[in-house]
Each structure stands twice: as structure tokens, then as C-alpha cells.
Amino acid sequence: MEQRYKAQTSTISKQYGPKVEAILSGLLLVASSAALLIANLV
């Protein structure tokens, strides 16, 4: 049962991994640009 679960999670991570990474990098980009804006305002 555990092996089937691992296979399922690996399939899910293969499908959604790139999307999740893209979303995370996008959030990081937004956060860093917001930090730069705040730093420039102060």
C-alpha cells in the first residue's frame, strides 16, 4: 500500500511540480520587487 502511495505522489509531483515551482518563483519575484519598492520609498 505504501509503495502505491509513493507512486501516486510521484506522479502528482511530476504533473504539478513545474507549476508549483513557477508559482513559487513568481511569488518570490513579487515579494522581492515589493521589498525594493518599500526600500526606495523609505
PDB file of N, CA and C in Angstrom:
ATOM      1  N   MET A   1       0.842  -1.203   0.000  1.00  0.00           N
ATOM      2  CA  MET A   1       0.000   0.000   0.000  1.00  0.00           C
ATOM      3  C   MET A   1       0.881   1.259   0.000  1.00  0.00           C
ATOM      4  N   GLU A   2       1.945   1.205   0.784  1.00  0.00           N
ATOM      5  CA  GLU A   2       2.808   2.378   0.870  1.00  0.00           C
ATOM      6  C   GLU A   2       3.478   2.663  -0.476  1.00  0.00           C
ATOM      7  N   GLN A   3       3.845   1.587  -1.173  1.00  0.00           N
ATOM      8  CA  GLN A   3       4.508   1.760  -2.466  1.00  0.00           C
ATOM      9  C   GLN A   3       3.558   2.405  -3.475  1.00  0.00           C
ATOM     10  N   ARG A   4       2.287   1.989  -3.443  1.00  0.00           N
ATOM     11  CA  ARG A   4       1.310   2.572  -4.350  1.00  0.00           C
ATOM     12  C   ARG A   4       1.133   4.059  -4.039  1.00  0.00           C
ATOM     13  N   TYR A   5       1.139   4.381  -2.753  1.00  0.00           N
ATOM     14  CA  TYR A   5       1.003   5.784  -2.349  1.00  0.00           C
ATOM     15  C   TYR A   5       2.183   6.599  -2.874  1.00  0.00           C
ATOM     16  N   LYS A   6       3.385   6.033  -2.740  1.00  0.00           N
ATOM     17  CA  LYS A   6       4.571   6.743  -3.223  1.00  0.00           C
ATOM     18  C   LYS A   6       4.506   6.948  -4.727  1.00  0.00           C
ATOM     19  N   ALA A   7       4.044   5.922  -5.449  1.00  0.00           N
ATOM     20  CA  ALA A   7       3.931   6.041  -6.906  1.00  0.00           C
ATOM     21  C   ALA A   7       2.933   7.136  -7.263  1.00  0.00           C
ATOM     22  N   GLN A   8       1.833   7.197  -6.509  1.00  0.00           N
ATOM     23  CA  GLN A   8       0.812   8.208  -6.783  1.00  0.00           C
ATOM     24  C   GLN A   8       1.363   9.609  -6.524  1.00  0.00           C
ATOM     25  N   THR A   9       2.065   9.779  -5.408  1.00  0.00           N
ATOM     26  CA  THR A   9       2.598  11.102  -5.088  1.00  0.00           C
ATOM     27  C   THR A   9       3.657  11.519  -6.098  1.00  0.00           C
ATOM     28  N   SER A  10       4.468  10.569  -6.565  1.00  0.00           N
ATOM     29  CA  SER A  10       5.490  10.929  -7.552  1.00  0.00           C
ATOM     30  C   SER A  10       4.830  11.348  -8.861  1.00  0.00           C
ATOM     31  N   THR A  11       3.732  10.694  -9.210  1.00  0.00           N
ATOM     32  CA  THR A  11       3.008  11.083 -10.426  1.00  0.00           C
ATOM     33  C   THR A  11       2.435  12.486 -10.262  1.00  0.00           C
ATOM     34  N   ILE A  12       1.881  12.757  -9.101  1.00  0.00           N
ATOM     35  CA  ILE A  12       1.309  14.079  -8.840  1.00  0.00           C
ATOM     36  C   ILE A  12       2.405  15.141  -8.885  1.00  0.00           C
ATOM     37  N   SER A  13       3.549  14.849  -8.271  1.00  0.00           N
ATOM     38  CA  SER A  13       4.632  15.828  -8.262  1.00  0.00           C
ATOM     39  C   SER A  13       5.176  16.050  -9.665  1.00  0.00           C
ATOM     40  N   LYS A  14       5.150  15.005 -10.498  1.00  0.00           N
ATOM     41  CA  LYS A  14       5.601  15.186 -11.885  1.00  0.00           C
ATOM     42  C   LYS A  14       4.635  16.089 -12.636  1.00  0.00           C
ATOM     43  N   GLN A  15       3.343  15.968 -12.332  1.00  0.00           N
ATOM     44  CA  GLN A  15       2.346  16.784 -13.027  1.00  0.00           C
ATOM     45  C   GLN A  15       2.356  18.224 -12.520  1.00  0.00           C
ATOM     46  N   TYR A  16       2.428  18.378 -11.212  1.00  0.00           N
ATOM     47  CA  TYR A  16       2.251  19.702 -10.629  1.00  0.00           C
ATOM     48  C   TYR A  16       3.551  20.369 -10.206  1.00  0.00           C
ATOM     49  N   GLY A  17       4.648  19.619 -10.183  1.00  0.00           N
ATOM     50  CA  GLY A  17       5.931  20.176  -9.759  1.00  0.00           C
ATOM     51  C   GLY A  17       6.298  21.462 -10.485  1.00  0.00           C
ATOM     52  N   PRO A  18       6.346  21.433 -11.819  1.00  0.00           N
ATOM     53  CA  PRO A  18       6.713  22.645 -12.567  1.00  0.00           C
ATOM     54  C   PRO A  18       5.772  23.815 -12.296  1.00  0.00           C
ATOM     55  N   LYS A  19       4.469  23.532 -12.190  1.00  0.00           N
ATOM     56  CA  LYS A  19       3.505  24.606 -11.925  1.00  0.00           C
ATOM     57  C   LYS A  19       3.765  25.219 -10.555  1.00  0.00           C
ATOM     58  N   VAL A  20       3.971  24.355  -9.559  1.00  0.00           N
ATOM     59  CA  VAL A  20       4.216  24.848  -8.200  1.00  0.00           C
ATOM     60  C   VAL A  20       5.494  25.669  -8.169  1.00  0.00           C
ATOM     61  N   GLU A  21       6.539  25.195  -8.852  1.00  0.00           N
ATOM     62  CA  GLU A  21       7.798  25.941  -8.880  1.00  0.00           C
ATOM     63  C   GLU A  21       7.611  27.291  -9.553  1.00  0.00           C
ATOM     64  N   ALA A  22       6.826  27.324 -10.615  1.00  0.00           N
ATOM     65  CA  ALA A  22       6.584  28.586 -11.318  1.00  0.00           C
ATOM     66  C   ALA A  22       5.839  29.559 -10.416  1.00  0.00           C
ATOM     67  N   ILE A  23       4.838  29.048  -9.690  1.00  0.00           N
ATOM     68  CA  ILE A  23       4.065  29.903  -8.783  1.00  0.00           C
ATOM     69  C   ILE A  23       4.963  30.442  -7.673  1.00  0.00           C
ATOM     70  N   LEU A  24       5.806  29.554  -7.102  1.00  0.00           N
ATOM     71  CA  LEU A  24       6.685  29.971  -6.018  1.00  0.00           C
ATOM     72  C   LEU A  24       7.683  31.014  -6.495  1.00  0.00           C
ATOM     73  N   SER A  25       8.262  30.813  -7.669  1.00  0.00           N
ATOM     74  CA  SER A  25       9.232  31.780  -8.180  1.00  0.00           C
ATOM     75  C   SER A  25       8.536  33.103  -8.483  1.00  0.00           C
ATOM     76  N   GLY A  26       7.297  33.034  -8.951  1.00  0.00           N
ATOM     77  CA  GLY A  26       6.539  34.249  -9.198  1.00  0.00           C
ATOM     78  C   GLY A  26       6.284  35.013  -7.907  1.00  0.00           C
ATOM     79  N   LEU A  27       5.934  34.277  -6.856  1.00  0.00           N
ATOM     80  CA  LEU A  27       5.698  34.912  -5.558  1.00  0.00           C
ATOM     81  C   LEU A  27       6.979  35.547  -5.039  1.00  0.00           C
ATOM     82  N   LEU A  28       8.103  34.840  -5.201  1.00  0.00           N
ATOM     83  CA  LEU A  28       9.389  35.385  -4.764  1.00  0.00           C
ATOM     84  C   LEU A  28       9.705  36.666  -5.526  1.00  0.00           C
ATOM     85  N   LEU A  29       9.421  36.655  -6.819  1.00  0.00           N
ATOM     86  CA  LEU A  29       9.674  37.832  -7.646  1.00  0.00           C
ATOM     87  C   LEU A  29       8.848  39.010  -7.154  1.00  0.00           C
ATOM     88  N   VAL A  30       7.571  38.771  -6.901  1.00  0.00           N
ATOM     89  CA  VAL A  30       6.681  39.830  -6.418  1.00  0.00           C
ATOM     90  C   VAL A  30       7.155  40.344  -5.063  1.00  0.00           C
ATOM     91  N   ALA A  31       7.532  39.415  -4.183  1.00  0.00           N
ATOM     92  CA  ALA A  31       7.973  39.809  -2.845  1.00  0.00           C
ATOM     93  C   ALA A  31       9.242  40.646  -2.915  1.00  0.00           C
ATOM     94  N   SER A  32      10.192  40.243  -3.756  1.00  0.00           N
ATOM     95  CA  SER A  32      11.451  40.984  -3.840  1.00  0.00           C
ATOM     96  C   SER A  32      11.236  42.359  -4.459  1.00  0.00           C
ATOM     97  N   SER A  33      10.370  42.451  -5.466  1.00  0.00           N
ATOM     98  CA  SER A  33      10.113  43.755  -6.078  1.00  0.00           C
ATOM     99  C   SER A  33       9.370  44.659  -5.102  1.00  0.00           C
ATOM    100  N   ALA A  34       8.476  44.087  -4.300  1.00  0.00           N
ATOM    101  CA  ALA A  34       7.774  44.877  -3.289  1.00  0.00           C
ATOM    102  C   ALA A  34       8.763  45.381  -2.245  1.00  0.00           C
ATOM    103  N   ALA A  35       9.710  44.526  -1.859  1.00  0.00           N
ATOM    104  CA  ALA A  35      10.723  44.930  -0.884  1.00  0.00           C
ATOM    105  C   ALA A  35      11.572  46.064  -1.447  1.00  0.00           C
ATOM    106  N   LEU A  36      11.916  45.979  -2.722  1.00  0.00           N
ATOM    107  CA  LEU A  36      12.699  47.042  -3.357  1.00  0.00           C
ATOM    108  C   LEU A  36      11.913  48.346  -3.378  1.00  0.00           C
ATOM    109  N   LEU A  37      10.621  48.263  -3.692  1.00  0.00           N
ATOM    110  CA  LEU A  37       9.776  49.458  -3.717  1.00  0.00           C
ATOM    111  C   LEU A  37       9.738  50.112  -2.345  1.00  0.00           C
ATOM    112  N   ILE A  38       9.532  49.297  -1.316  1.00  0.00           N
ATOM    113  CA  ILE A  38       9.464  49.822   0.051  1.00  0.00           C
ATOM    114  C   ILE A  38      10.800  50.450   0.443  1.00  0.00           C
ATOM    115  N   ALA A  39      11.897  49.782   0.061  1.00  0.00           N
ATOM    116  CA  ALA A  39      13.225  50.303   0.390  1.00  0.00           C
ATOM    117  C   ALA A  39      13.455  51.647  -0.300  1.00  0.00           C
ATOM    118  N   ASN A  40      12.954  51.790  -1.515  1.00  0.00           N
ATOM    119  CA  ASN A  40      13.129  53.046  -2.242  1.00  0.00           C
ATOM    120  C   ASN A  40      12.272  54.160  -1.651  1.00  0.00           C
ATOM    121  N   LEU A  41      11.098  53.796  -1.130  1.00  0.00           N
ATOM    122  CA  LEU A  41      10.209  54.801  -0.551  1.00  0.00           C
ATOM    123  C   LEU A  41      10.771  55.335   0.757  1.00  0.00           C
ATOM    124  N   VAL A  42      11.443  54.476   1.515  1.00  0.00           N
ATOM    125  CA  VAL A  42      11.969  54.885   2.823  1.00  0.00           C
ATOM    126  C   VAL A  42      13.273  55.630   2.692  1.00  0.00           C
TER     127      VAL A  42
END
